[in-house]
Protein backbone atom coordinates (compact mmCIF):
# COMPACT_ATOMS: atom_id res chain seq x y z
CA MET A 1 -54.78 121.81 153.56
CA THR A 2 -52.14 122.57 156.12
CA ASN A 3 -50.98 118.93 156.09
CA LYS A 4 -50.60 118.95 152.30
CA ILE A 5 -48.50 122.11 152.42
CA ALA A 6 -46.31 120.63 155.14
CA GLN A 7 -45.80 117.43 153.12
CA ARG A 8 -44.78 119.45 150.05
CA LEU A 9 -42.26 121.49 152.06
CA THR A 10 -40.81 118.31 153.54
CA VAL A 11 -40.38 116.70 150.10
CA ALA A 12 -38.71 119.86 148.73
CA ALA A 13 -36.31 119.96 151.69
CA LEU A 14 -35.39 116.34 151.24
CA LEU A 15 -34.75 116.84 147.54
CA GLY A 16 -32.57 119.85 148.26
CA CYS A 17 -30.49 117.92 150.81
CA ALA A 18 -30.12 115.05 148.41
CA LEU A 19 -28.89 117.30 145.66
CA CYS A 20 -26.42 119.07 147.91
CA GLY A 21 -25.11 115.82 149.32
CA CYS A 22 -24.51 114.34 145.83
CA ASN A 23 -22.63 117.38 144.66
CA ASP A 24 -20.40 117.43 147.75
CA ALA A 25 -19.57 113.74 147.52
CA LYS A 26 -18.98 113.68 143.82
CA SER A 27 -15.80 115.75 143.73
CA PRO A 28 -13.56 113.71 146.06
CA ASP A 29 -14.93 110.40 144.88
CA ALA A 30 -14.48 111.31 141.21
CA VAL A 31 -10.94 112.45 141.82
CA SER A 32 -10.05 109.37 143.83
CA ALA A 33 -11.70 107.11 141.25
CA ALA A 34 -9.93 108.79 138.30
CA SER A 35 -6.53 108.76 139.91
CA PRO A 36 -5.70 105.05 139.41
CA ILE A 37 -7.01 105.10 135.84
CA ALA A 38 -4.85 108.05 134.93
CA ALA A 39 -1.81 106.59 136.65
CA SER A 40 -2.05 103.13 135.09
CA PRO A 41 -0.31 103.95 131.73
CA VAL A 42 2.62 105.48 133.60
CA ALA A 43 2.98 102.42 135.81
CA ASN A 44 2.79 100.01 132.85
CA ALA A 45 5.25 101.84 130.60
CA PRO A 46 8.38 99.94 131.77
CA ALA A 47 6.54 96.65 131.50
CA ALA A 48 5.66 97.46 127.91
CA GLY A 49 9.33 98.14 127.17
CA GLN A 50 10.37 94.83 128.70
CA SER A 51 7.68 93.01 126.73
CA ARG A 52 9.00 94.40 123.46
CA SER A 53 12.55 93.33 124.24
CA GLN A 54 11.43 89.85 125.18
CA LYS A 55 9.32 89.72 122.05
CA GLU A 56 12.31 90.50 119.87
CA GLU A 57 14.47 87.89 121.59
CA GLY A 58 11.75 85.24 121.24
CA PHE A 59 10.69 86.31 117.75
CA VAL A 60 9.01 83.49 115.83
CA ALA A 61 9.35 83.18 112.05
CA SER A 62 8.41 80.46 109.59
CA GLY A 63 10.25 78.91 106.68
CA PRO A 64 10.76 75.67 104.74
CA ILE A 65 13.29 72.91 105.30
CA VAL A 66 15.66 72.85 102.31
CA VAL A 67 18.73 70.93 101.19
CA GLU A 68 21.67 72.03 99.10
CA HIS A 69 21.18 69.37 96.39
CA GLN A 70 17.74 68.80 94.88
CA ILE A 71 17.22 68.37 91.16
CA ASP A 72 15.12 66.86 88.37
CA VAL A 73 17.22 64.35 86.44
CA SER A 74 16.44 64.77 82.72
CA ALA A 75 17.19 62.67 79.65
CA GLN A 76 20.21 63.75 77.61
CA ARG A 77 19.20 61.96 74.40
CA ASP A 78 16.19 60.41 72.69
CA GLY A 79 15.42 56.74 73.19
CA VAL A 80 13.14 54.07 74.58
CA LEU A 81 13.29 53.42 78.32
CA SER A 82 14.24 49.76 78.60
CA GLN A 83 14.97 49.37 82.33
CA ILE A 84 14.23 51.13 85.60
CA HIS A 85 16.63 50.42 88.44
CA ALA A 86 15.34 52.84 91.12
CA ASP A 87 11.90 53.85 92.31
CA VAL A 88 10.42 56.36 94.76
CA GLY A 89 12.06 56.05 98.17
CA THR A 90 15.18 54.29 96.89
CA PRO A 91 18.38 55.57 98.53
CA VAL A 92 21.00 56.17 95.85
CA LYS A 93 24.72 56.88 95.71
CA GLN A 94 26.43 59.36 93.42
CA GLY A 95 26.78 57.84 89.95
CA GLN A 96 24.34 55.00 90.60
CA ILE A 97 22.29 54.00 87.54
CA LEU A 98 18.62 54.95 87.93
CA ALA A 99 17.38 53.82 84.51
CA GLN A 100 18.63 52.54 81.15
CA LEU A 101 17.62 53.61 77.66
CA ASP A 102 17.80 51.18 74.77
CA ASP A 103 21.40 51.31 73.47
CA LEU A 104 21.56 48.57 70.83
CA GLN A 105 22.05 50.94 67.88
CA ILE A 106 24.53 53.24 69.57
CA THR A 107 26.50 50.26 70.90
CA ALA A 108 26.76 48.84 67.39
CA ASP A 109 28.00 52.21 66.13
CA LEU A 110 30.55 52.28 68.93
CA ASP A 111 31.83 48.81 68.02
CA ALA A 112 32.24 49.95 64.40
CA ALA A 113 34.12 53.06 65.53
CA ARG A 114 36.45 50.99 67.69
CA ALA A 115 37.16 48.70 64.74
CA LYS A 116 37.91 51.76 62.61
CA THR A 117 40.31 53.03 65.26
CA ARG A 118 42.16 49.71 65.37
CA SER A 119 42.36 49.62 61.56
CA THR A 120 43.73 53.16 61.34
CA GLU A 121 46.24 52.44 64.08
CA ALA A 122 47.51 49.40 62.18
CA ASP A 123 47.67 51.46 59.00
CA LEU A 124 49.76 54.04 60.83
CA HIS A 125 52.25 51.41 61.96
CA ASN A 126 52.52 50.26 58.35
CA TRP A 127 53.23 53.78 57.09
CA GLU A 128 55.75 54.39 59.83
CA SER A 129 57.62 51.19 58.85
CA GLU A 130 57.60 52.18 55.21
CA ALA A 131 58.83 55.65 56.13
CA ARG A 132 61.81 54.11 57.92
CA VAL A 133 62.57 51.98 54.84
CA LEU A 134 62.47 54.98 52.51
CA GLN A 135 64.61 57.00 54.91
CA SER A 136 67.16 54.19 54.87
CA ASP A 137 67.06 54.16 51.05
CA TYR A 138 67.67 57.89 50.97
CA GLU A 139 70.67 57.60 53.32
CA ARG A 140 72.12 54.86 51.13
CA ALA A 141 71.56 56.95 48.00
CA GLN A 142 73.33 59.86 49.73
CA LYS A 143 76.40 57.67 50.29
CA MET A 144 76.31 56.44 46.70
CA TRP A 145 76.08 60.03 45.48
CA ASP A 146 79.06 60.92 47.60
CA ALA A 147 80.91 58.03 45.90
CA GLN A 148 79.73 59.26 42.49
CA LEU A 149 77.93 55.95 41.85
CA ILE A 150 74.50 57.42 41.04
CA THR A 151 73.23 60.48 39.33
CA ARG A 152 71.78 63.57 41.00
CA GLU A 153 68.32 62.66 39.76
CA GLN A 154 68.45 59.30 41.52
CA LEU A 155 69.46 60.98 44.77
CA ASP A 156 66.60 63.49 44.50
CA HIS A 157 64.15 60.72 43.72
CA ALA A 158 65.06 58.86 46.92
CA LYS A 159 64.90 62.09 48.92
CA PHE A 160 61.46 63.17 47.70
CA LYS A 161 60.04 59.68 48.17
CA ALA A 162 61.21 59.64 51.79
CA GLU A 163 59.70 63.11 52.40
CA SER A 164 56.41 62.06 50.80
CA ASP A 165 56.17 59.12 53.13
CA VAL A 166 56.71 61.38 56.15
CA TRP A 167 53.66 63.38 55.14
CA ASP A 168 51.67 60.18 54.69
CA VAL A 169 52.56 59.20 58.23
CA LYS A 170 51.27 62.57 59.50
CA ARG A 171 48.06 62.17 57.48
CA VAL A 172 47.35 58.74 58.94
CA LYS A 173 48.10 60.03 62.44
CA GLU A 174 45.40 62.65 62.01
CA MET A 175 43.04 59.97 60.71
CA LEU A 176 43.77 57.97 63.85
CA VAL A 177 43.02 61.00 66.06
CA ASN A 178 39.73 61.53 64.24
CA ALA A 179 38.80 57.87 64.69
CA GLN A 180 39.63 58.06 68.39
CA ARG A 181 37.53 61.20 68.84
CA THR A 182 34.61 59.57 67.03
CA GLU A 183 34.95 56.57 69.29
CA ARG A 184 35.01 58.80 72.35
CA SER A 185 31.92 60.69 71.14
CA LEU A 186 30.01 57.46 70.75
CA GLU A 187 31.14 56.32 74.20
CA LEU A 188 29.60 59.51 75.61
CA GLU A 189 26.39 58.82 73.71
CA VAL A 190 26.29 55.32 75.21
CA GLU A 191 26.85 56.86 78.64
CA LYS A 192 23.86 59.16 78.05
CA THR A 193 21.64 56.09 77.80
CA ARG A 194 22.47 55.34 81.45
CA ILE A 195 20.57 57.72 83.71
CA ARG A 196 22.70 58.22 86.83
CA ALA A 197 22.19 59.90 90.19
CA PRO A 198 24.13 63.20 90.24
CA PHE A 199 24.68 62.98 94.02
CA ALA A 200 23.90 60.78 97.00
CA GLY A 201 20.34 61.07 98.23
CA ILE A 202 16.95 59.54 97.70
CA VAL A 203 14.55 59.26 94.75
CA ALA A 204 11.59 61.50 95.61
CA ARG A 205 9.63 61.11 92.36
CA ARG A 206 9.62 59.02 89.19
CA TYR A 207 8.09 60.60 86.10
CA VAL A 208 8.55 57.77 83.54
CA ARG A 209 7.67 54.14 83.02
CA SER A 210 9.36 51.23 81.31
CA GLY A 211 8.91 51.14 77.52
CA GLN A 212 8.16 54.85 77.27
CA GLN A 213 9.57 56.88 74.38
CA ILE A 214 11.86 59.46 75.91
CA THR A 215 12.77 62.78 74.31
CA LYS A 216 15.88 64.74 75.17
CA GLY A 217 15.10 67.06 78.09
CA ASP A 218 12.22 64.98 79.51
CA ARG A 219 12.14 64.78 83.32
CA MET A 220 12.76 61.25 84.56
CA PHE A 221 13.48 61.36 88.29
CA TRP A 222 13.48 63.87 91.10
CA VAL A 223 16.46 63.19 93.34
CA THR A 224 16.97 65.02 96.59
CA ALA A 225 19.66 64.92 99.21
CA THR A 226 18.66 64.05 102.76
CA ALA A 227 21.38 65.94 104.62
CA PRO A 228 22.42 68.41 105.76
CA LEU A 229 19.00 69.88 106.44
CA ARG A 230 18.71 73.65 106.35
CA VAL A 231 15.96 76.15 107.09
CA LYS A 232 15.49 79.41 105.21
CA PHE A 233 13.48 82.27 106.70
CA THR A 234 13.22 86.06 106.81
CA LEU A 235 13.46 88.54 109.67
CA PRO A 236 12.46 92.21 110.02
CA GLU A 237 15.31 94.61 109.37
CA ARG A 238 15.15 95.83 112.98
CA LEU A 239 16.64 92.47 114.04
CA ILE A 240 19.77 92.76 111.88
CA GLY A 241 21.95 93.56 114.87
CA LYS A 242 20.56 90.64 116.87
CA MET A 243 21.47 87.95 114.30
CA LYS A 244 25.02 86.63 113.88
CA ARG A 245 26.71 83.70 112.17
CA GLY A 246 26.93 80.69 114.46
CA GLN A 247 23.97 81.83 116.56
CA SER A 248 21.62 79.07 117.75
CA ILE A 249 17.92 79.05 116.92
CA GLU A 250 15.09 76.66 117.73
CA VAL A 251 13.21 74.90 114.93
CA THR A 252 9.94 73.01 115.27
CA ALA A 253 7.47 71.52 112.83
CA ALA A 254 4.60 73.87 112.03
CA ASP A 255 1.99 71.40 113.37
CA ASP A 256 4.05 69.91 116.20
CA ALA A 257 6.06 72.08 118.58
CA SER A 258 6.72 69.27 121.07
CA HIS A 259 10.04 68.20 119.49
CA PRO A 260 12.24 71.28 119.03
CA CYS A 261 15.55 70.99 117.16
CA ARG A 262 18.55 73.26 117.30
CA ALA A 263 20.00 74.96 114.22
CA ARG A 264 23.04 77.14 113.65
CA VAL A 265 22.94 80.27 111.49
CA ILE A 266 25.36 79.86 108.58
CA GLU A 267 24.36 82.67 106.22
CA ILE A 268 22.82 86.13 106.59
CA SER A 269 21.85 88.22 103.60
CA PRO A 270 24.07 91.31 103.33
CA VAL A 271 21.20 93.42 101.97
CA VAL A 272 17.64 94.22 103.00
CA ASP A 273 14.78 93.47 100.62
CA PRO A 274 13.34 96.97 99.98
CA SER A 275 9.90 95.65 99.07
CA SER A 276 9.35 93.82 102.37
CA GLY A 277 11.94 95.36 104.68
CA THR A 278 13.31 91.94 105.63
CA ILE A 279 16.60 90.05 105.56
CA GLU A 280 17.01 86.43 104.51
CA VAL A 281 18.70 83.99 106.90
CA LEU A 282 19.89 80.41 106.30
CA ALA A 283 20.52 78.03 109.19
CA GLU A 284 21.73 74.43 109.29
CA LEU A 285 20.07 71.95 111.61
CA VAL A 286 22.25 70.21 114.16
CA ALA A 287 21.64 66.48 114.65
CA PRO A 288 19.38 64.98 115.75
CA THR A 289 16.74 66.41 113.41
CA GLY A 290 13.80 64.29 114.58
CA GLU A 291 10.99 63.94 112.05
CA LEU A 292 11.92 67.01 110.01
CA ARG A 293 12.12 66.37 106.26
CA PRO A 294 12.99 68.49 103.21
CA GLY A 295 10.04 70.61 102.11
CA MET A 296 8.36 70.77 105.54
CA THR A 297 7.21 74.15 106.87
CA THR A 298 8.71 74.98 110.24
CA ASN A 299 8.54 77.63 112.93
CA ILE A 300 11.79 79.29 113.93
CA ARG A 301 12.24 80.92 117.31
CA LEU A 302 15.18 83.16 118.08
CA LEU A 303 16.82 82.15 121.31
CA PRO A 304 17.90 84.87 123.77
CA THR A 305 21.47 85.94 123.18
CA PRO A 306 23.80 85.26 126.14
């Protein structure tokens, strides 16, 4: 009985010491353990500020490669496509013929108009010669009237006939102008049968085939320029002050960042888009451009300003 009581007292004493020891050790250890945790945000604050600055200088945006000239070449008149002179991938020069519509009918009309112009021109020369003859007759009649060799009626007759011929000459001149304008109009219609490249570049697409019936306005070719290559992208409005004309940026393909290219900023939007809070920037790539092509999506990284 005595041993059991002694054991119980010993256990109670041990528990009391344990509890007192834990409470005494907890305060300094808790304070020392909490101190570095509480101090860490203060120590990292400058680093966070530097990270934000570096992030702005190395800001990465994305945008497509574009070119100034890129257009669908459409038919300007109805007709049957008789010949195709350029296909996809064909480099073309400005004014080069891409395709030819059937022009037999319009060419025949043009030949008839040219013949009409030549006929009217010859008729004009004939009237001009006759006008000179009648003017000479009138001058002779004037002299005869002065010599009292003819009557007043004969003088007036010669005068009015000469004046009438002058008006005939003017009429035929206007007929000649009309014939020339008709001829010119038909020449333009013939020219419309020749589908030409509006600028130097490359044929990216062909929408038609030989023998097809073409209607005015139908798309026939997609022609795109190959240079200069430009990239268009947007930036947050907070970076307005960090972007200037002539500034260099780094451009890489979206799926391959191993071949960066340099570009020079050539245009900055003067206004901020209120719906997105961004500004639009246009930059022109500086040769060499590597494998970049019009239409590709690229990543743009702002280089640190010196």
